[in-house]
Every structure is written in C-alpha cells, then in structure tokens.
Amino acid sequence: YLSSMTVSLFYPILAHFAVNTVVYIAVQVFTKRDNSWVDALWGPMQFTVNAVIFYLRTQDGEGITPRMLLISIPVFIWGLRLAVYICVRHKAEDYRYKKMRLGWEEGGTFSYYFQAYMWVFVMQGVFALINGASVIYVNLASSEKDP
C-alpha cells in the first residue's frame, strides 16, 4: 500500500507542528503562559493532519474514499467535542502545568520558552501523531480499488 501512495507525510506533519507552534505562541502572549491550553488542542491535532491529507489527495486526483470518511468523521466529531468540553471547563492553569512552568522559569526566560515548547507542544504533537496513526494510515493508503 505505502509504495503506491502519491501523498507524502511531510506536508501534513509540517502543518500539524505549524498549528501547534501558532497555538504555543498565542498561549505565551495571551494567556500568561498557561500551557494547559494544549489539552484543548488534542482534538484539533487529530483533525489537522487528516485535513491536509484530504486536501492533498484531492489535488493529486486520488480523491476521498468512503473508507476515509468512515474513519475520519467520527475522529473529527470526537475531536470537536473534546476541544469544546475542555475549553468550556478551563477556568485556570492546570496544577500540573503550573508546576512545570514554575520549574522551567527558575532556569531563566530562554529555558522556560524552550522547555515549554519542546515538552508541552512538541511532545503533545508527537503523542497525537502516534495516537492518530491508524487514521493517518487509512487516509494515506486508502484507494478506490479497495474492496
């Protein structure tokens, strides 16, 4: 399957980490370093990679298969529900993120920004890719020829 794919993982993963980076910057600027907002990003993280795959497949002429829709629509609904639930419930910085933030701030400004980005936003991004790997695979490898 994978050898016949024309859509690469490069642009979907690039878009995934670009969105995480934009949210990281917004969190640092607008929420007084409340990194616990990354939890609300979990749902959309599952959607971003697959949305880019859908776009690339339509541009390459491969199209979107029923199998892709069948696996992606529930993930999109789950992700949207999770994001809304966490956003509505978010009242203050989660104590776990606060503890990490305070420790990182002791190392100075650069230490804080670097560690917050790597340990929160990049790491969550990697975990989201691992978590969504089966959906990503189906969306990459699905073909109209499949039974």
N, C-alpha and C. Protein backbone atom coordinates (compact mmCIF):
# COMPACT_ATOMS: atom_id res chain seq x y z
N TYR A 1 0.80 -1.20 0.00
CA TYR A 1 0.00 0.00 0.00
C TYR A 1 0.85 1.27 0.00
N LEU A 2 1.77 1.35 0.93
CA LEU A 2 2.50 2.60 1.09
C LEU A 2 3.34 2.96 -0.12
N SER A 3 3.82 1.97 -0.86
CA SER A 3 4.65 2.28 -2.02
C SER A 3 3.85 2.90 -3.16
N SER A 4 2.55 2.70 -3.18
CA SER A 4 1.72 3.24 -4.25
C SER A 4 1.14 4.62 -3.92
N MET A 5 1.40 5.13 -2.73
CA MET A 5 0.84 6.42 -2.33
C MET A 5 1.59 7.56 -3.00
N THR A 6 0.83 8.56 -3.44
CA THR A 6 1.48 9.73 -4.01
C THR A 6 1.52 10.87 -3.00
N VAL A 7 0.71 10.81 -1.97
CA VAL A 7 0.68 11.85 -0.95
C VAL A 7 1.73 11.51 0.11
N SER A 8 2.59 12.45 0.39
CA SER A 8 3.65 12.29 1.37
C SER A 8 3.15 12.72 2.75
N LEU A 9 3.82 12.25 3.77
CA LEU A 9 3.50 12.67 5.13
C LEU A 9 4.15 14.01 5.49
N PHE A 10 5.05 14.50 4.67
CA PHE A 10 5.80 15.71 5.01
C PHE A 10 4.89 16.91 5.27
N TYR A 11 4.02 17.25 4.33
CA TYR A 11 3.18 18.45 4.49
C TYR A 11 2.12 18.29 5.60
N PRO A 12 1.49 17.14 5.74
CA PRO A 12 0.56 17.00 6.88
C PRO A 12 1.25 17.18 8.23
N ILE A 13 2.45 16.60 8.38
CA ILE A 13 3.16 16.73 9.66
C ILE A 13 3.66 18.16 9.84
N LEU A 14 4.11 18.79 8.77
CA LEU A 14 4.53 20.19 8.84
C LEU A 14 3.36 21.07 9.29
N ALA A 15 2.19 20.86 8.71
CA ALA A 15 1.00 21.63 9.11
C ALA A 15 0.65 21.37 10.57
N HIS A 16 0.76 20.13 10.98
CA HIS A 16 0.47 19.73 12.36
C HIS A 16 1.33 20.52 13.34
N PHE A 17 2.63 20.55 13.12
CA PHE A 17 3.52 21.25 14.05
C PHE A 17 3.45 22.76 13.86
N ALA A 18 3.07 23.23 12.68
CA ALA A 18 2.87 24.68 12.48
C ALA A 18 1.69 25.16 13.32
N VAL A 19 0.60 24.39 13.33
CA VAL A 19 -0.57 24.76 14.15
C VAL A 19 -0.18 24.73 15.63
N ASN A 20 0.56 23.70 16.04
CA ASN A 20 0.99 23.64 17.44
C ASN A 20 1.85 24.84 17.80
N THR A 21 2.72 25.26 16.89
CA THR A 21 3.60 26.40 17.14
C THR A 21 2.81 27.70 17.26
N VAL A 22 1.83 27.88 16.39
CA VAL A 22 0.99 29.08 16.45
C VAL A 22 0.22 29.11 17.78
N VAL A 23 -0.31 27.98 18.19
CA VAL A 23 -1.03 27.93 19.48
C VAL A 23 -0.06 28.18 20.63
N TYR A 24 1.15 27.63 20.54
CA TYR A 24 2.16 27.88 21.58
C TYR A 24 2.43 29.37 21.72
N ILE A 25 2.63 30.06 20.60
CA ILE A 25 2.89 31.50 20.64
C ILE A 25 1.70 32.25 21.23
N ALA A 26 0.50 31.88 20.81
CA ALA A 26 -0.71 32.53 21.33
C ALA A 26 -0.84 32.32 22.83
N VAL A 27 -0.55 31.12 23.29
CA VAL A 27 -0.63 30.82 24.72
C VAL A 27 0.37 31.68 25.50
N GLN A 28 1.57 31.82 24.97
CA GLN A 28 2.59 32.61 25.68
C GLN A 28 2.22 34.09 25.72
N VAL A 29 1.62 34.58 24.63
CA VAL A 29 1.31 36.01 24.52
C VAL A 29 0.01 36.38 25.23
N PHE A 30 -1.03 35.57 25.06
CA PHE A 30 -2.37 35.98 25.51
C PHE A 30 -2.85 35.34 26.80
N THR A 31 -2.21 34.29 27.28
CA THR A 31 -2.76 33.61 28.47
C THR A 31 -1.79 33.58 29.65
N LYS A 32 -0.79 34.42 29.63
CA LYS A 32 0.18 34.47 30.73
C LYS A 32 0.83 33.11 30.96
N ARG A 33 1.24 32.48 29.87
CA ARG A 33 1.98 31.21 29.92
C ARG A 33 1.17 30.04 30.45
N ASP A 34 -0.12 30.04 30.24
CA ASP A 34 -0.97 28.93 30.68
C ASP A 34 -0.90 27.82 29.63
N ASN A 35 0.12 26.97 29.77
CA ASN A 35 0.33 25.89 28.80
C ASN A 35 -0.72 24.79 28.86
N SER A 36 -1.58 24.82 29.86
CA SER A 36 -2.60 23.78 29.95
C SER A 36 -3.65 23.90 28.83
N TRP A 37 -3.61 25.00 28.07
CA TRP A 37 -4.50 25.12 26.91
C TRP A 37 -4.18 24.07 25.84
N VAL A 38 -2.99 23.49 25.91
CA VAL A 38 -2.64 22.47 24.93
C VAL A 38 -3.61 21.29 25.00
N ASP A 39 -4.19 21.06 26.16
CA ASP A 39 -5.16 19.97 26.28
C ASP A 39 -6.36 20.17 25.36
N ALA A 40 -6.77 21.42 25.18
CA ALA A 40 -7.89 21.71 24.27
C ALA A 40 -7.49 21.50 22.82
N LEU A 41 -6.20 21.45 22.56
CA LEU A 41 -5.71 21.26 21.19
C LEU A 41 -5.69 19.80 20.76
N TRP A 42 -5.88 18.88 21.71
CA TRP A 42 -5.80 17.46 21.37
C TRP A 42 -6.76 17.06 20.26
N GLY A 43 -7.99 17.50 20.34
CA GLY A 43 -8.95 17.15 19.29
C GLY A 43 -8.56 17.71 17.94
N PRO A 44 -8.33 19.02 17.84
CA PRO A 44 -7.91 19.59 16.56
C PRO A 44 -6.60 19.01 16.03
N MET A 45 -5.71 18.56 16.93
CA MET A 45 -4.46 17.94 16.45
C MET A 45 -4.77 16.70 15.62
N GLN A 46 -5.80 15.97 15.98
CA GLN A 46 -6.17 14.78 15.22
C GLN A 46 -6.73 15.16 13.85
N PHE A 47 -7.35 16.32 13.79
CA PHE A 47 -8.00 16.76 12.56
C PHE A 47 -7.03 17.37 11.55
N THR A 48 -6.05 18.13 12.01
CA THR A 48 -5.18 18.89 11.13
C THR A 48 -4.46 18.01 10.11
N VAL A 49 -3.79 16.97 10.58
CA VAL A 49 -3.03 16.10 9.68
C VAL A 49 -3.96 15.48 8.64
N ASN A 50 -5.10 15.01 9.06
CA ASN A 50 -6.01 14.34 8.14
C ASN A 50 -6.66 15.31 7.17
N ALA A 51 -6.91 16.53 7.60
CA ALA A 51 -7.46 17.54 6.69
C ALA A 51 -6.46 17.85 5.57
N VAL A 52 -5.19 17.94 5.92
CA VAL A 52 -4.17 18.19 4.90
C VAL A 52 -4.06 17.00 3.96
N ILE A 53 -4.13 15.80 4.49
CA ILE A 53 -4.10 14.60 3.62
C ILE A 53 -5.29 14.63 2.67
N PHE A 54 -6.48 14.96 3.17
CA PHE A 54 -7.66 15.05 2.30
C PHE A 54 -7.41 16.06 1.18
N TYR A 55 -6.90 17.22 1.54
CA TYR A 55 -6.64 18.26 0.54
C TYR A 55 -5.63 17.78 -0.50
N LEU A 56 -4.53 17.20 -0.05
CA LEU A 56 -3.50 16.74 -0.99
C LEU A 56 -4.01 15.64 -1.90
N ARG A 57 -4.82 14.75 -1.35
CA ARG A 57 -5.36 13.68 -2.20
C ARG A 57 -6.30 14.22 -3.26
N THR A 58 -7.07 15.24 -2.93
CA THR A 58 -7.95 15.81 -3.96
C THR A 58 -7.13 16.55 -5.01
N GLN A 59 -6.01 17.15 -4.62
CA GLN A 59 -5.16 17.83 -5.57
C GLN A 59 -4.41 16.85 -6.48
N ASP A 60 -4.07 15.68 -5.96
CA ASP A 60 -3.36 14.66 -6.74
C ASP A 60 -4.29 13.82 -7.60
N GLY A 61 -5.58 14.02 -7.46
CA GLY A 61 -6.55 13.26 -8.24
C GLY A 61 -6.91 11.91 -7.64
N GLU A 62 -6.36 11.60 -6.46
CA GLU A 62 -6.69 10.33 -5.81
C GLU A 62 -8.09 10.34 -5.23
N GLY A 63 -8.53 11.50 -4.78
CA GLY A 63 -9.87 11.63 -4.24
C GLY A 63 -10.00 11.12 -2.82
N ILE A 64 -11.20 11.29 -2.31
CA ILE A 64 -11.53 10.88 -0.95
C ILE A 64 -12.44 9.67 -1.04
N THR A 65 -12.05 8.60 -0.37
CA THR A 65 -12.81 7.36 -0.46
C THR A 65 -13.82 7.26 0.68
N PRO A 66 -14.84 6.42 0.51
CA PRO A 66 -15.80 6.21 1.62
C PRO A 66 -15.11 5.71 2.89
N ARG A 67 -14.08 4.88 2.73
CA ARG A 67 -13.34 4.37 3.89
C ARG A 67 -12.71 5.52 4.67
N MET A 68 -12.17 6.49 3.96
CA MET A 68 -11.56 7.66 4.60
C MET A 68 -12.60 8.43 5.40
N LEU A 69 -13.77 8.63 4.81
CA LEU A 69 -14.84 9.35 5.51
C LEU A 69 -15.32 8.57 6.72
N LEU A 70 -15.45 7.26 6.55
CA LEU A 70 -15.95 6.41 7.63
C LEU A 70 -15.04 6.46 8.86
N ILE A 71 -13.73 6.54 8.64
CA ILE A 71 -12.81 6.58 9.79
C ILE A 71 -12.57 8.01 10.27
N SER A 72 -12.67 9.00 9.40
CA SER A 72 -12.31 10.37 9.77
C SER A 72 -13.44 11.16 10.41
N ILE A 73 -14.67 10.94 9.99
CA ILE A 73 -15.79 11.71 10.55
C ILE A 73 -15.95 11.47 12.05
N PRO A 74 -15.92 10.22 12.54
CA PRO A 74 -16.02 10.05 14.00
C PRO A 74 -14.85 10.70 14.75
N VAL A 75 -13.65 10.66 14.17
CA VAL A 75 -12.49 11.29 14.81
C VAL A 75 -12.69 12.80 14.87
N PHE A 76 -13.20 13.38 13.80
CA PHE A 76 -13.47 14.82 13.78
C PHE A 76 -14.52 15.20 14.82
N ILE A 77 -15.59 14.44 14.90
CA ILE A 77 -16.64 14.72 15.88
C ILE A 77 -16.09 14.58 17.30
N TRP A 78 -15.33 13.52 17.56
CA TRP A 78 -14.72 13.33 18.88
C TRP A 78 -13.79 14.49 19.21
N GLY A 79 -12.96 14.88 18.26
CA GLY A 79 -12.01 15.97 18.48
C GLY A 79 -12.69 17.29 18.77
N LEU A 80 -13.75 17.58 18.03
CA LEU A 80 -14.50 18.82 18.26
C LEU A 80 -15.17 18.80 19.63
N ARG A 81 -15.78 17.68 19.98
CA ARG A 81 -16.43 17.55 21.29
C ARG A 81 -15.41 17.71 22.41
N LEU A 82 -14.24 17.09 22.27
CA LEU A 82 -13.21 17.18 23.29
C LEU A 82 -12.71 18.62 23.45
N ALA A 83 -12.47 19.30 22.33
CA ALA A 83 -11.98 20.68 22.38
C ALA A 83 -12.99 21.60 23.04
N VAL A 84 -14.25 21.47 22.68
CA VAL A 84 -15.29 22.32 23.27
C VAL A 84 -15.41 22.03 24.77
N TYR A 85 -15.43 20.77 25.13
CA TYR A 85 -15.55 20.38 26.54
C TYR A 85 -14.41 20.97 27.37
N ILE A 86 -13.18 20.83 26.88
CA ILE A 86 -12.03 21.33 27.64
C ILE A 86 -12.03 22.86 27.69
N CYS A 87 -12.37 23.51 26.59
CA CYS A 87 -12.41 24.98 26.57
C CYS A 87 -13.45 25.53 27.54
N VAL A 88 -14.62 24.92 27.57
CA VAL A 88 -15.69 25.37 28.46
C VAL A 88 -15.30 25.16 29.92
N ARG A 89 -14.64 24.07 30.21
CA ARG A 89 -14.29 23.71 31.57
C ARG A 89 -13.03 24.42 32.07
N HIS A 90 -12.23 24.97 31.17
CA HIS A 90 -10.96 25.60 31.54
C HIS A 90 -11.20 26.92 32.27
N LYS A 91 -10.86 26.95 33.55
CA LYS A 91 -11.04 28.17 34.36
C LYS A 91 -9.70 28.76 34.79
N ALA A 92 -8.71 27.92 34.97
CA ALA A 92 -7.39 28.37 35.43
C ALA A 92 -6.34 27.37 34.95
N GLU A 93 -5.10 27.74 35.12
CA GLU A 93 -4.00 26.87 34.71
C GLU A 93 -4.02 25.57 35.51
N ASP A 94 -3.92 24.47 34.82
CA ASP A 94 -3.88 23.16 35.45
C ASP A 94 -2.65 23.08 36.37
N TYR A 95 -2.83 22.51 37.55
CA TYR A 95 -1.75 22.48 38.54
C TYR A 95 -0.51 21.75 38.03
N ARG A 96 -0.67 20.75 37.18
CA ARG A 96 0.49 20.03 36.66
C ARG A 96 1.33 20.91 35.75
N TYR A 97 0.65 21.67 34.90
CA TYR A 97 1.37 22.58 34.01
C TYR A 97 1.99 23.74 34.79
N LYS A 98 1.30 24.16 35.84
CA LYS A 98 1.83 25.25 36.66
C LYS A 98 3.13 24.81 37.34
N LYS A 99 3.14 23.59 37.85
CA LYS A 99 4.34 23.07 38.50
C LYS A 99 5.50 23.01 37.51
N MET A 100 5.24 22.54 36.30
CA MET A 100 6.30 22.50 35.28
C MET A 100 6.77 23.91 34.95
N ARG A 101 5.82 24.83 34.74
CA ARG A 101 6.15 26.21 34.38
C ARG A 101 7.04 26.86 35.42
N LEU A 102 6.68 26.71 36.68
CA LEU A 102 7.47 27.32 37.75
C LEU A 102 8.90 26.77 37.76
N GLY A 103 9.05 25.50 37.55
CA GLY A 103 10.39 24.90 37.49
C GLY A 103 11.19 25.42 36.30
N TRP A 104 10.55 25.53 35.16
CA TRP A 104 11.25 26.00 33.96
C TRP A 104 11.62 27.47 34.09
N GLU A 105 10.77 28.25 34.72
CA GLU A 105 11.06 29.68 34.88
C GLU A 105 12.28 29.93 35.78
N GLU A 106 12.56 28.99 36.67
CA GLU A 106 13.75 29.13 37.52
C GLU A 106 15.03 29.12 36.69
N GLY A 107 14.99 28.49 35.54
CA GLY A 107 16.16 28.41 34.66
C GLY A 107 16.34 29.63 33.77
N GLY A 108 15.42 30.55 33.83
CA GLY A 108 15.52 31.76 33.02
C GLY A 108 14.51 31.76 31.88
N THR A 109 14.46 32.87 31.17
CA THR A 109 13.47 33.07 30.11
C THR A 109 13.64 32.07 28.97
N PHE A 110 14.87 31.94 28.47
CA PHE A 110 15.09 31.01 27.37
C PHE A 110 14.74 29.58 27.78
N SER A 111 15.17 29.20 28.97
CA SER A 111 14.89 27.86 29.47
C SER A 111 13.38 27.60 29.49
N TYR A 112 12.64 28.58 29.99
CA TYR A 112 11.19 28.41 30.06
C TYR A 112 10.60 28.21 28.67
N TYR A 113 10.88 29.14 27.75
CA TYR A 113 10.27 29.07 26.42
C TYR A 113 10.66 27.80 25.68
N PHE A 114 11.92 27.43 25.76
CA PHE A 114 12.39 26.23 25.07
C PHE A 114 11.72 24.98 25.64
N GLN A 115 11.73 24.86 26.96
CA GLN A 115 11.16 23.67 27.58
C GLN A 115 9.65 23.60 27.41
N ALA A 116 8.97 24.74 27.53
CA ALA A 116 7.52 24.74 27.33
C ALA A 116 7.19 24.28 25.92
N TYR A 117 7.92 24.77 24.95
CA TYR A 117 7.66 24.39 23.56
C TYR A 117 7.95 22.91 23.34
N MET A 118 9.13 22.47 23.76
CA MET A 118 9.53 21.08 23.49
C MET A 118 8.74 20.06 24.31
N TRP A 119 8.61 20.29 25.61
CA TRP A 119 8.00 19.30 26.48
C TRP A 119 6.47 19.33 26.48
N VAL A 120 5.89 20.45 26.11
CA VAL A 120 4.44 20.51 26.08
C VAL A 120 3.92 20.42 24.65
N PHE A 121 4.29 21.35 23.82
CA PHE A 121 3.66 21.43 22.49
C PHE A 121 4.23 20.44 21.49
N VAL A 122 5.53 20.27 21.44
CA VAL A 122 6.10 19.28 20.51
C VAL A 122 5.77 17.87 20.98
N MET A 123 5.96 17.62 22.28
CA MET A 123 5.70 16.27 22.79
C MET A 123 4.23 15.89 22.62
N GLN A 124 3.32 16.80 22.91
CA GLN A 124 1.89 16.51 22.70
C GLN A 124 1.62 16.25 21.22
N GLY A 125 2.31 17.00 20.36
CA GLY A 125 2.16 16.79 18.92
C GLY A 125 2.62 15.40 18.50
N VAL A 126 3.74 14.96 19.04
CA VAL A 126 4.24 13.61 18.73
C VAL A 126 3.25 12.56 19.24
N PHE A 127 2.77 12.73 20.46
CA PHE A 127 1.81 11.77 21.00
C PHE A 127 0.51 11.76 20.19
N ALA A 128 0.09 12.91 19.71
CA ALA A 128 -1.12 12.97 18.88
C ALA A 128 -0.91 12.22 17.56
N LEU A 129 0.27 12.33 16.98
CA LEU A 129 0.57 11.59 15.75
C LEU A 129 0.55 10.09 16.00
N ILE A 130 1.14 9.68 17.12
CA ILE A 130 1.13 8.25 17.46
C ILE A 130 -0.30 7.78 17.69
N ASN A 131 -1.06 8.56 18.44
CA ASN A 131 -2.45 8.22 18.76
C ASN A 131 -3.31 8.12 17.50
N GLY A 132 -3.07 9.00 16.55
CA GLY A 132 -3.88 9.03 15.33
C GLY A 132 -3.27 8.28 14.16
N ALA A 133 -2.23 7.49 14.41
CA ALA A 133 -1.50 6.82 13.32
C ALA A 133 -2.40 5.91 12.47
N SER A 134 -3.35 5.23 13.08
CA SER A 134 -4.20 4.33 12.30
C SER A 134 -5.09 5.10 11.32
N VAL A 135 -5.61 6.23 11.76
CA VAL A 135 -6.45 7.05 10.88
C VAL A 135 -5.59 7.67 9.78
N ILE A 136 -4.41 8.13 10.14
CA ILE A 136 -3.49 8.70 9.15
C ILE A 136 -3.15 7.64 8.10
N TYR A 137 -2.86 6.43 8.53
CA TYR A 137 -2.52 5.35 7.60
C TYR A 137 -3.67 5.08 6.64
N VAL A 138 -4.86 4.95 7.17
CA VAL A 138 -6.02 4.68 6.31
C VAL A 138 -6.20 5.81 5.30
N ASN A 139 -6.06 7.05 5.76
CA ASN A 139 -6.26 8.18 4.86
C ASN A 139 -5.15 8.29 3.81
N LEU A 140 -3.97 7.82 4.12
CA LEU A 140 -2.88 7.83 3.14
C LEU A 140 -3.00 6.67 2.16
N ALA A 141 -3.33 5.49 2.66
CA ALA A 141 -3.27 4.28 1.84
C ALA A 141 -4.59 3.87 1.18
N SER A 142 -5.68 4.49 1.57
CA SER A 142 -6.98 4.11 1.03
C SER A 142 -7.04 4.36 -0.47
N SER A 143 -7.68 3.45 -1.17
CA SER A 143 -7.77 3.54 -2.63
C SER A 143 -9.18 3.20 -3.08
N GLU A 144 -9.59 3.76 -4.20
CA GLU A 144 -10.90 3.42 -4.77
C GLU A 144 -10.96 1.94 -5.15
N LYS A 145 -9.81 1.33 -5.35
CA LYS A 145 -9.74 -0.08 -5.74
C LYS A 145 -9.96 -1.02 -4.57
N ASP A 146 -9.87 -0.49 -3.34
CA ASP A 146 -10.06 -1.32 -2.17
C ASP A 146 -11.47 -1.87 -2.12
N PRO A 147 -11.61 -3.10 -1.62
CA PRO A 147 -12.97 -3.69 -1.53
C PRO A 147 -13.82 -2.99 -0.49
